[in-house]
Amino acid sequence: MGEADGHVLDDTDRILVRALVADGRATLAQLASAAGLSVSAVQARVRRLESRGVVTGYAARLDPEALGHMLSAFVAITPLDPSQPDDAPARLQHIPEIESCHSVAGEESYVLLVRVASARALEDLLQRIRTAADVRTRSTIILQTFYSGRDYVP
């Protein structure tokens, strides 16, 4: 996506995107005030940002610990049999403790971010992952998160 495609954000779009990232519940009037535009102009711009896929949704951010998920870990997975289909993400998507799945370059094929209540729950989850996807796992427990969920705004 480049300038020729019309997918470059102008300064006003950046203001709107930054405001929405900071507060996804901001009203059109608040966005209009931040951008120095009318409410109808902001509404048109936000709709355009949504239709172009720049803004893909609005969601609440949850605190995993407040939900009882006291332990977070990165779990790297590698297929036990590389000659088999590479379908681990599809085989694991039903497991709710897996927050995200990333394809990576390196020794492992994927890295999962998982959240569980305890070390015992992690042990159980790792067994479920190994069984469901026929993979080897390597885990790294997260001790502290300094920042997360930052949205990139050019």
N, C-alpha and C. Protein backbone atom coordinates (compact mmCIF):
# COMPACT_ATOMS: atom_id res chain seq x y z
N MET A 1 0.83 -1.17 0.00
CA MET A 1 0.00 0.00 0.00
C MET A 1 0.88 1.24 0.00
N GLY A 2 0.67 2.07 -0.93
CA GLY A 2 1.47 3.28 -1.03
C GLY A 2 0.62 4.46 -1.40
N GLU A 3 1.29 5.57 -1.70
CA GLU A 3 0.56 6.79 -2.05
C GLU A 3 -0.30 6.60 -3.28
N ALA A 4 0.18 5.84 -4.25
CA ALA A 4 -0.58 5.64 -5.48
C ALA A 4 -1.90 4.93 -5.20
N ASP A 5 -1.94 4.09 -4.15
CA ASP A 5 -3.16 3.37 -3.79
C ASP A 5 -4.12 4.24 -2.99
N GLY A 6 -3.65 5.42 -2.55
CA GLY A 6 -4.48 6.26 -1.71
C GLY A 6 -4.56 5.76 -0.28
N HIS A 7 -3.60 4.94 0.15
CA HIS A 7 -3.65 4.34 1.49
C HIS A 7 -2.68 4.98 2.47
N VAL A 8 -2.24 6.17 2.17
CA VAL A 8 -1.35 6.86 3.09
C VAL A 8 -2.21 7.74 4.00
N LEU A 9 -1.92 7.72 5.29
CA LEU A 9 -2.67 8.55 6.22
C LEU A 9 -2.17 9.99 6.15
N ASP A 10 -3.10 10.93 6.06
CA ASP A 10 -2.69 12.33 6.15
C ASP A 10 -2.65 12.72 7.62
N ASP A 11 -2.25 13.95 7.90
CA ASP A 11 -2.09 14.39 9.29
C ASP A 11 -3.40 14.29 10.07
N THR A 12 -4.52 14.62 9.44
CA THR A 12 -5.82 14.56 10.11
C THR A 12 -6.19 13.12 10.43
N ASP A 13 -5.95 12.20 9.49
CA ASP A 13 -6.21 10.78 9.75
C ASP A 13 -5.37 10.29 10.93
N ARG A 14 -4.11 10.72 10.99
CA ARG A 14 -3.24 10.31 12.09
C ARG A 14 -3.78 10.81 13.43
N ILE A 15 -4.28 12.04 13.46
CA ILE A 15 -4.88 12.58 14.68
C ILE A 15 -6.06 11.72 15.11
N LEU A 16 -6.91 11.37 14.15
CA LEU A 16 -8.09 10.57 14.46
C LEU A 16 -7.70 9.17 14.93
N VAL A 17 -6.75 8.55 14.24
CA VAL A 17 -6.32 7.20 14.61
C VAL A 17 -5.69 7.21 16.00
N ARG A 18 -4.84 8.19 16.27
CA ARG A 18 -4.22 8.27 17.61
C ARG A 18 -5.28 8.47 18.70
N ALA A 19 -6.28 9.30 18.41
CA ALA A 19 -7.34 9.53 19.39
C ALA A 19 -8.16 8.26 19.62
N LEU A 20 -8.42 7.51 18.56
CA LEU A 20 -9.17 6.26 18.70
C LEU A 20 -8.35 5.19 19.42
N VAL A 21 -7.05 5.16 19.19
CA VAL A 21 -6.18 4.21 19.89
C VAL A 21 -6.17 4.53 21.39
N ALA A 22 -6.11 5.82 21.71
CA ALA A 22 -6.10 6.23 23.11
C ALA A 22 -7.44 5.96 23.79
N ASP A 23 -8.54 6.14 23.04
CA ASP A 23 -9.87 5.93 23.61
C ASP A 23 -10.81 5.49 22.50
N GLY A 24 -10.99 4.19 22.37
CA GLY A 24 -11.86 3.64 21.34
C GLY A 24 -13.31 4.00 21.52
N ARG A 25 -13.65 4.54 22.69
CA ARG A 25 -15.03 4.96 22.97
C ARG A 25 -15.22 6.45 22.79
N ALA A 26 -14.22 7.14 22.23
CA ALA A 26 -14.34 8.59 22.02
C ALA A 26 -15.54 8.87 21.11
N THR A 27 -16.27 9.92 21.44
CA THR A 27 -17.43 10.30 20.62
C THR A 27 -16.95 11.02 19.37
N LEU A 28 -17.83 11.10 18.39
CA LEU A 28 -17.50 11.85 17.18
C LEU A 28 -17.23 13.31 17.52
N ALA A 29 -17.95 13.85 18.49
CA ALA A 29 -17.72 15.24 18.90
C ALA A 29 -16.32 15.41 19.50
N GLN A 30 -15.88 14.45 20.30
CA GLN A 30 -14.53 14.52 20.87
C GLN A 30 -13.47 14.40 19.78
N LEU A 31 -13.71 13.50 18.83
CA LEU A 31 -12.77 13.35 17.72
C LEU A 31 -12.74 14.62 16.87
N ALA A 32 -13.90 15.21 16.64
CA ALA A 32 -13.98 16.45 15.85
C ALA A 32 -13.20 17.56 16.53
N SER A 33 -13.32 17.65 17.84
CA SER A 33 -12.59 18.67 18.60
C SER A 33 -11.08 18.45 18.47
N ALA A 34 -10.65 17.20 18.58
CA ALA A 34 -9.22 16.88 18.50
C ALA A 34 -8.67 17.19 17.11
N ALA A 35 -9.47 16.93 16.08
CA ALA A 35 -8.99 17.11 14.70
C ALA A 35 -9.29 18.48 14.13
N GLY A 36 -10.12 19.28 14.81
CA GLY A 36 -10.48 20.59 14.28
C GLY A 36 -11.40 20.50 13.08
N LEU A 37 -12.27 19.51 13.07
CA LEU A 37 -13.21 19.29 11.97
C LEU A 37 -14.63 19.26 12.49
N SER A 38 -15.58 19.26 11.59
CA SER A 38 -16.98 19.10 11.97
C SER A 38 -17.23 17.62 12.28
N VAL A 39 -18.30 17.37 13.02
CA VAL A 39 -18.66 15.99 13.36
C VAL A 39 -18.93 15.18 12.09
N SER A 40 -19.62 15.76 11.11
CA SER A 40 -19.92 15.02 9.88
C SER A 40 -18.64 14.70 9.10
N ALA A 41 -17.68 15.62 9.09
CA ALA A 41 -16.41 15.35 8.41
C ALA A 41 -15.65 14.23 9.11
N VAL A 42 -15.67 14.24 10.44
CA VAL A 42 -15.00 13.18 11.20
C VAL A 42 -15.69 11.84 10.97
N GLN A 43 -17.00 11.84 10.97
CA GLN A 43 -17.74 10.61 10.74
C GLN A 43 -17.37 10.01 9.38
N ALA A 44 -17.28 10.84 8.35
CA ALA A 44 -16.91 10.37 7.01
C ALA A 44 -15.49 9.81 7.01
N ARG A 45 -14.57 10.50 7.69
CA ARG A 45 -13.18 10.03 7.74
C ARG A 45 -13.06 8.72 8.51
N VAL A 46 -13.76 8.60 9.63
CA VAL A 46 -13.69 7.36 10.41
C VAL A 46 -14.27 6.21 9.59
N ARG A 47 -15.38 6.44 8.92
CA ARG A 47 -15.96 5.39 8.07
C ARG A 47 -14.97 4.97 6.98
N ARG A 48 -14.28 5.95 6.40
CA ARG A 48 -13.29 5.65 5.36
C ARG A 48 -12.13 4.85 5.94
N LEU A 49 -11.67 5.23 7.13
CA LEU A 49 -10.59 4.48 7.79
C LEU A 49 -11.03 3.04 8.08
N GLU A 50 -12.29 2.86 8.44
CA GLU A 50 -12.81 1.51 8.69
C GLU A 50 -12.92 0.72 7.39
N SER A 51 -13.44 1.35 6.34
CA SER A 51 -13.63 0.63 5.07
C SER A 51 -12.30 0.27 4.41
N ARG A 52 -11.27 1.07 4.67
CA ARG A 52 -9.94 0.78 4.13
C ARG A 52 -9.19 -0.25 4.97
N GLY A 53 -9.75 -0.60 6.12
CA GLY A 53 -9.10 -1.59 6.97
C GLY A 53 -8.03 -1.01 7.88
N VAL A 54 -7.94 0.31 7.96
CA VAL A 54 -6.99 0.94 8.88
C VAL A 54 -7.47 0.72 10.30
N VAL A 55 -8.73 1.01 10.55
CA VAL A 55 -9.37 0.74 11.84
C VAL A 55 -10.15 -0.56 11.64
N THR A 56 -9.75 -1.59 12.37
CA THR A 56 -10.35 -2.91 12.16
C THR A 56 -11.36 -3.29 13.23
N GLY A 57 -11.51 -2.46 14.24
CA GLY A 57 -12.50 -2.76 15.27
C GLY A 57 -12.23 -1.96 16.53
N TYR A 58 -13.12 -2.14 17.48
CA TYR A 58 -13.03 -1.45 18.76
C TYR A 58 -13.24 -2.52 19.83
N ALA A 59 -12.37 -2.52 20.83
CA ALA A 59 -12.45 -3.59 21.82
C ALA A 59 -12.02 -3.10 23.20
N ALA A 60 -12.54 -3.77 24.21
CA ALA A 60 -12.09 -3.51 25.58
C ALA A 60 -10.76 -4.23 25.79
N ARG A 61 -9.89 -3.63 26.57
CA ARG A 61 -8.63 -4.27 26.93
C ARG A 61 -8.80 -4.86 28.33
N LEU A 62 -8.54 -6.13 28.46
CA LEU A 62 -8.74 -6.83 29.71
C LEU A 62 -7.42 -7.07 30.43
N ASP A 63 -7.47 -7.08 31.74
CA ASP A 63 -6.31 -7.40 32.57
C ASP A 63 -6.36 -8.89 32.86
N PRO A 64 -5.44 -9.68 32.29
CA PRO A 64 -5.48 -11.14 32.49
C PRO A 64 -5.44 -11.54 33.97
N GLU A 65 -4.67 -10.82 34.77
CA GLU A 65 -4.57 -11.16 36.19
C GLU A 65 -5.90 -10.94 36.91
N ALA A 66 -6.63 -9.89 36.52
CA ALA A 66 -7.93 -9.64 37.13
C ALA A 66 -8.92 -10.75 36.79
N LEU A 67 -8.65 -11.49 35.73
CA LEU A 67 -9.50 -12.61 35.32
C LEU A 67 -8.99 -13.94 35.86
N GLY A 68 -7.94 -13.89 36.70
CA GLY A 68 -7.41 -15.11 37.30
C GLY A 68 -6.30 -15.78 36.51
N HIS A 69 -5.84 -15.15 35.46
CA HIS A 69 -4.76 -15.71 34.64
C HIS A 69 -3.45 -15.09 35.12
N MET A 70 -2.92 -15.65 36.18
CA MET A 70 -1.77 -15.07 36.87
C MET A 70 -0.44 -15.38 36.18
N LEU A 71 -0.43 -16.33 35.26
CA LEU A 71 0.82 -16.74 34.62
C LEU A 71 0.69 -16.58 33.11
N SER A 72 1.64 -15.88 32.52
CA SER A 72 1.70 -15.73 31.07
C SER A 72 3.02 -16.32 30.59
N ALA A 73 2.99 -16.89 29.39
CA ALA A 73 4.21 -17.50 28.86
C ALA A 73 4.21 -17.43 27.34
N PHE A 74 5.41 -17.45 26.79
CA PHE A 74 5.58 -17.64 25.36
C PHE A 74 5.89 -19.11 25.18
N VAL A 75 5.18 -19.75 24.26
CA VAL A 75 5.40 -21.16 23.99
C VAL A 75 5.78 -21.30 22.53
N ALA A 76 7.03 -21.70 22.29
CA ALA A 76 7.49 -21.93 20.92
C ALA A 76 7.16 -23.37 20.56
N ILE A 77 6.63 -23.55 19.36
CA ILE A 77 6.26 -24.91 18.94
C ILE A 77 6.93 -25.27 17.62
N THR A 78 7.25 -26.56 17.51
CA THR A 78 7.89 -27.11 16.31
C THR A 78 7.21 -28.44 15.99
N PRO A 79 6.84 -28.68 14.75
CA PRO A 79 6.21 -29.96 14.40
C PRO A 79 7.14 -31.13 14.71
N LEU A 80 6.57 -32.21 15.23
CA LEU A 80 7.36 -33.41 15.47
C LEU A 80 7.76 -34.06 14.15
N ASP A 81 6.87 -33.95 13.15
CA ASP A 81 7.14 -34.54 11.83
C ASP A 81 7.00 -33.45 10.77
N PRO A 82 8.13 -32.86 10.36
CA PRO A 82 8.08 -31.76 9.37
C PRO A 82 7.47 -32.15 8.03
N SER A 83 7.35 -33.45 7.75
CA SER A 83 6.78 -33.86 6.47
C SER A 83 5.24 -33.80 6.48
N GLN A 84 4.65 -33.62 7.66
CA GLN A 84 3.20 -33.52 7.78
C GLN A 84 2.74 -32.10 7.45
N PRO A 85 1.46 -31.91 7.13
CA PRO A 85 0.94 -30.56 6.83
C PRO A 85 1.21 -29.58 7.98
N ASP A 86 1.52 -28.36 7.61
CA ASP A 86 1.80 -27.31 8.60
C ASP A 86 0.48 -26.63 8.96
N ASP A 87 -0.29 -27.26 9.83
CA ASP A 87 -1.61 -26.75 10.17
C ASP A 87 -1.79 -26.51 11.67
N ALA A 88 -0.69 -26.30 12.36
CA ALA A 88 -0.75 -26.10 13.82
C ALA A 88 -1.68 -24.95 14.22
N PRO A 89 -1.63 -23.78 13.57
CA PRO A 89 -2.54 -22.70 13.99
C PRO A 89 -4.02 -23.13 13.94
N ALA A 90 -4.41 -23.82 12.91
CA ALA A 90 -5.80 -24.28 12.79
C ALA A 90 -6.13 -25.31 13.86
N ARG A 91 -5.18 -26.16 14.18
CA ARG A 91 -5.41 -27.20 15.18
C ARG A 91 -5.48 -26.64 16.60
N LEU A 92 -4.93 -25.45 16.80
CA LEU A 92 -4.87 -24.87 18.14
C LEU A 92 -5.86 -23.74 18.39
N GLN A 93 -6.51 -23.26 17.35
CA GLN A 93 -7.33 -22.05 17.50
C GLN A 93 -8.49 -22.23 18.46
N HIS A 94 -8.89 -23.43 18.76
CA HIS A 94 -10.01 -23.67 19.69
C HIS A 94 -9.60 -23.58 21.16
N ILE A 95 -8.32 -23.45 21.45
CA ILE A 95 -7.83 -23.43 22.83
C ILE A 95 -7.86 -22.00 23.35
N PRO A 96 -8.75 -21.69 24.29
CA PRO A 96 -8.94 -20.29 24.71
C PRO A 96 -7.75 -19.68 25.45
N GLU A 97 -6.90 -20.49 26.06
CA GLU A 97 -5.75 -19.94 26.78
C GLU A 97 -4.68 -19.38 25.86
N ILE A 98 -4.76 -19.70 24.56
CA ILE A 98 -3.81 -19.16 23.58
C ILE A 98 -4.33 -17.81 23.12
N GLU A 99 -3.62 -16.74 23.53
CA GLU A 99 -4.05 -15.39 23.18
C GLU A 99 -3.66 -15.04 21.75
N SER A 100 -2.46 -15.48 21.33
CA SER A 100 -2.03 -15.18 19.97
C SER A 100 -1.07 -16.26 19.48
N CYS A 101 -0.98 -16.36 18.16
CA CYS A 101 -0.12 -17.35 17.50
C CYS A 101 0.61 -16.62 16.38
N HIS A 102 1.95 -16.69 16.43
CA HIS A 102 2.77 -15.97 15.46
C HIS A 102 3.68 -16.93 14.71
N SER A 103 3.68 -16.86 13.39
CA SER A 103 4.63 -17.60 12.58
C SER A 103 5.97 -16.88 12.69
N VAL A 104 7.05 -17.62 12.94
CA VAL A 104 8.35 -17.00 13.15
C VAL A 104 9.43 -17.68 12.31
N ALA A 105 10.51 -16.94 12.10
CA ALA A 105 11.69 -17.50 11.44
C ALA A 105 12.65 -17.94 12.54
N GLY A 106 13.31 -19.05 12.33
CA GLY A 106 14.24 -19.56 13.34
C GLY A 106 14.02 -21.05 13.54
N GLU A 107 14.45 -21.55 14.68
CA GLU A 107 14.34 -22.98 14.95
C GLU A 107 12.89 -23.43 15.09
N GLU A 108 12.06 -22.62 15.73
CA GLU A 108 10.66 -22.97 15.92
C GLU A 108 9.83 -22.45 14.76
N SER A 109 8.65 -23.02 14.62
CA SER A 109 7.75 -22.61 13.55
C SER A 109 6.80 -21.50 13.98
N TYR A 110 6.35 -21.57 15.26
CA TYR A 110 5.38 -20.62 15.77
C TYR A 110 5.72 -20.28 17.22
N VAL A 111 5.29 -19.09 17.63
CA VAL A 111 5.37 -18.70 19.05
C VAL A 111 3.96 -18.31 19.47
N LEU A 112 3.52 -18.91 20.57
CA LEU A 112 2.20 -18.65 21.12
C LEU A 112 2.34 -17.79 22.38
N LEU A 113 1.41 -16.88 22.59
CA LEU A 113 1.30 -16.19 23.87
C LEU A 113 0.13 -16.86 24.58
N VAL A 114 0.43 -17.42 25.76
CA VAL A 114 -0.61 -18.13 26.51
C VAL A 114 -0.78 -17.49 27.88
N ARG A 115 -1.99 -17.61 28.41
CA ARG A 115 -2.29 -17.08 29.75
C ARG A 115 -3.09 -18.14 30.52
N VAL A 116 -2.58 -18.46 31.70
CA VAL A 116 -3.20 -19.49 32.54
C VAL A 116 -3.18 -19.07 34.00
N ALA A 117 -3.87 -19.83 34.84
CA ALA A 117 -3.99 -19.49 36.25
C ALA A 117 -2.77 -19.87 37.08
N SER A 118 -2.05 -20.92 36.67
CA SER A 118 -0.97 -21.43 37.52
C SER A 118 0.03 -22.24 36.71
N ALA A 119 1.11 -22.61 37.37
CA ALA A 119 2.12 -23.46 36.73
C ALA A 119 1.50 -24.81 36.36
N ARG A 120 0.66 -25.33 37.22
CA ARG A 120 -0.01 -26.61 36.93
C ARG A 120 -0.90 -26.47 35.70
N ALA A 121 -1.61 -25.35 35.60
CA ALA A 121 -2.46 -25.10 34.43
C ALA A 121 -1.61 -24.99 33.16
N LEU A 122 -0.42 -24.40 33.29
CA LEU A 122 0.49 -24.32 32.13
C LEU A 122 0.92 -25.71 31.71
N GLU A 123 1.26 -26.54 32.67
CA GLU A 123 1.66 -27.91 32.36
C GLU A 123 0.55 -28.65 31.61
N ASP A 124 -0.69 -28.50 32.09
CA ASP A 124 -1.84 -29.11 31.42
C ASP A 124 -2.04 -28.56 30.02
N LEU A 125 -1.91 -27.24 29.89
CA LEU A 125 -2.07 -26.61 28.58
C LEU A 125 -1.01 -27.10 27.60
N LEU A 126 0.23 -27.19 28.05
CA LEU A 126 1.30 -27.66 27.16
C LEU A 126 1.00 -29.06 26.64
N GLN A 127 0.48 -29.91 27.49
CA GLN A 127 0.12 -31.26 27.05
C GLN A 127 -1.00 -31.22 26.02
N ARG A 128 -1.99 -30.36 26.23
CA ARG A 128 -3.08 -30.22 25.26
C ARG A 128 -2.56 -29.70 23.92
N ILE A 129 -1.62 -28.75 23.97
CA ILE A 129 -1.03 -28.21 22.73
C ILE A 129 -0.27 -29.30 22.00
N ARG A 130 0.56 -30.04 22.72
CA ARG A 130 1.35 -31.12 22.10
C ARG A 130 0.44 -32.15 21.44
N THR A 131 -0.62 -32.52 22.12
CA THR A 131 -1.54 -33.54 21.61
C THR A 131 -2.34 -33.01 20.42
N ALA A 132 -2.87 -31.81 20.53
CA ALA A 132 -3.72 -31.25 19.48
C ALA A 132 -2.97 -31.01 18.18
N ALA A 133 -1.71 -30.56 18.28
CA ALA A 133 -0.99 -30.14 17.07
C ALA A 133 0.19 -31.04 16.72
N ASP A 134 0.46 -32.08 17.52
CA ASP A 134 1.57 -32.99 17.27
C ASP A 134 2.89 -32.20 17.14
N VAL A 135 3.18 -31.42 18.20
CA VAL A 135 4.35 -30.54 18.20
C VAL A 135 5.18 -30.74 19.46
N ARG A 136 6.40 -30.26 19.37
CA ARG A 136 7.31 -30.15 20.51
C ARG A 136 7.15 -28.71 21.02
N THR A 137 7.25 -28.49 22.34
CA THR A 137 7.10 -27.15 22.89
C THR A 137 8.35 -26.73 23.66
N ARG A 138 8.55 -25.42 23.70
CA ARG A 138 9.60 -24.81 24.54
C ARG A 138 8.98 -23.56 25.13
N SER A 139 8.95 -23.48 26.47
CA SER A 139 8.23 -22.39 27.14
C SER A 139 9.15 -21.40 27.80
N THR A 140 8.73 -20.15 27.80
CA THR A 140 9.41 -19.08 28.52
C THR A 140 8.34 -18.34 29.32
N ILE A 141 8.44 -18.40 30.64
CA ILE A 141 7.46 -17.74 31.49
C ILE A 141 7.76 -16.25 31.57
N ILE A 142 6.73 -15.45 31.44
CA ILE A 142 6.86 -13.99 31.50
C ILE A 142 6.83 -13.56 32.96
N LEU A 143 7.88 -12.89 33.41
CA LEU A 143 7.93 -12.41 34.79
C LEU A 143 7.26 -11.05 34.95
N GLN A 144 7.50 -10.15 34.00
CA GLN A 144 6.94 -8.80 34.08
C GLN A 144 6.79 -8.26 32.67
N THR A 145 5.70 -7.55 32.43
CA THR A 145 5.47 -6.91 31.13
C THR A 145 5.56 -5.40 31.32
N PHE A 146 6.48 -4.79 30.59
CA PHE A 146 6.66 -3.35 30.72
C PHE A 146 5.70 -2.57 29.83
N TYR A 147 5.40 -3.10 28.66
CA TYR A 147 4.36 -2.52 27.81
C TYR A 147 3.89 -3.60 26.85
N SER A 148 2.64 -3.45 26.45
CA SER A 148 2.02 -4.45 25.59
C SER A 148 0.84 -3.82 24.88
N GLY A 149 0.47 -4.37 23.74
CA GLY A 149 -0.72 -3.90 23.05
C GLY A 149 -0.59 -2.51 22.47
N ARG A 150 0.64 -2.07 22.26
CA ARG A 150 0.82 -0.73 21.68
C ARG A 150 0.47 -0.79 20.21
N ASP A 151 -0.36 0.14 19.80
CA ASP A 151 -0.74 0.20 18.40
C ASP A 151 0.19 1.15 17.66
N TYR A 152 0.71 0.67 16.55
CA TYR A 152 1.62 1.47 15.73
C TYR A 152 0.81 2.47 14.91
N VAL A 153 1.14 3.72 15.04
CA VAL A 153 0.51 4.78 14.25
C VAL A 153 1.63 5.54 13.56
N PRO A 154 1.70 5.45 12.24
CA PRO A 154 2.80 6.12 11.51
C PRO A 154 2.75 7.64 11.64
